[in-house]
Protein backbone atom coordinates (compact mmCIF):
# COMPACT_ATOMS: atom_id res chain seq x y z
CA MET A 1 5.06 17.75 -7.07
CA MET A 2 4.10 14.34 -8.40
CA LYS A 3 6.69 11.74 -8.77
CA LYS A 4 5.93 9.14 -11.46
CA ASP A 5 8.70 6.68 -10.19
CA GLN A 6 7.61 6.56 -6.50
CA ILE A 7 4.69 5.69 -4.47
CA GLU A 8 2.92 8.57 -2.81
CA LEU A 9 0.05 9.37 -0.54
CA GLY A 10 -3.25 9.02 -2.37
CA ASP A 11 -1.90 6.72 -4.97
CA ILE A 12 -3.92 3.57 -5.70
CA VAL A 13 -1.93 0.54 -5.15
CA LYS A 14 -2.13 -3.43 -5.07
CA VAL A 15 -0.76 -5.07 -1.97
CA ASN A 16 0.57 -8.70 -2.05
CA PHE A 17 2.52 -10.89 0.54
CA ASN A 18 4.18 -12.80 -2.23
CA ASN A 19 5.77 -15.52 0.25
CA ALA A 20 2.32 -16.24 1.53
CA HIS A 21 0.69 -16.38 -1.82
CA PHE A 22 -1.88 -13.84 -0.22
CA THR A 23 -3.16 -10.53 -1.78
CA LEU A 24 -4.28 -8.18 0.98
CA CYS A 25 -6.09 -5.66 -1.31
CA THR A 26 -6.26 -5.51 -5.20
CA LYS A 27 -7.10 -1.74 -4.97
CA ALA A 28 -6.03 0.40 -2.09
CA ILE A 29 -5.34 4.07 -1.45
CA VAL A 30 -2.00 4.68 0.30
CA LYS A 31 -2.93 6.66 3.42
CA ARG A 32 0.50 6.58 5.04
CA ILE A 33 4.05 5.89 4.08
CA PRO A 34 6.75 4.69 6.56
CA GLN A 35 9.35 7.29 7.76
CA ALA A 36 11.57 5.07 9.81
CA THR A 37 12.38 1.50 10.62
CA GLY A 38 9.42 0.06 12.51
CA ASP A 39 6.83 2.20 10.81
CA SER A 40 3.78 0.92 9.03
CA TRP A 41 2.21 1.50 5.75
CA ILE A 42 -1.50 2.39 5.85
CA PHE A 43 -3.87 1.49 3.26
CA GLN A 44 -7.54 1.85 2.79
CA ASP A 45 -9.04 -0.88 0.77
CA CYS A 46 -11.10 0.67 -2.11
CA LYS A 47 -13.76 -2.25 -2.08
CA THR A 48 -14.42 -2.51 1.65
CA ASP A 49 -13.15 0.71 2.99
CA GLU A 50 -11.01 -1.44 5.63
CA ILE A 51 -8.06 0.22 7.03
CA HIS A 52 -4.82 -2.02 7.01
CA TYR A 53 -1.63 -1.13 9.00
CA VAL A 54 1.18 -3.12 7.31
CA SER A 55 4.59 -3.40 9.01
CA GLU A 56 6.09 -6.65 7.47
CA GLY A 57 7.60 -7.13 4.01
CA CYS A 58 5.08 -7.03 1.09
CA THR A 59 4.89 -6.11 -2.47
CA ILE A 60 3.18 -2.94 -3.31
CA THR A 61 2.18 -2.25 -6.85
CA LEU A 62 1.49 1.19 -8.16
CA ILE A 63 -1.89 0.93 -10.25
CA GLU A 64 -2.81 4.64 -10.53
CA LYS A 65 -1.34 8.05 -9.55
């Protein structure tokens, strides 16, 4: 079931570190969502195919379901 108000696996997102004024990915696929404290998000950059594990605070903006 698709949830329009939550980011889910396979969604396309933008990943920013606002405090550092840095954009990690302008367009990435969500590969994993943290399930507990200490877990990481996993994103695959759509432009470079790089895989990023993110465990620190960031802003994730939903672009496309």
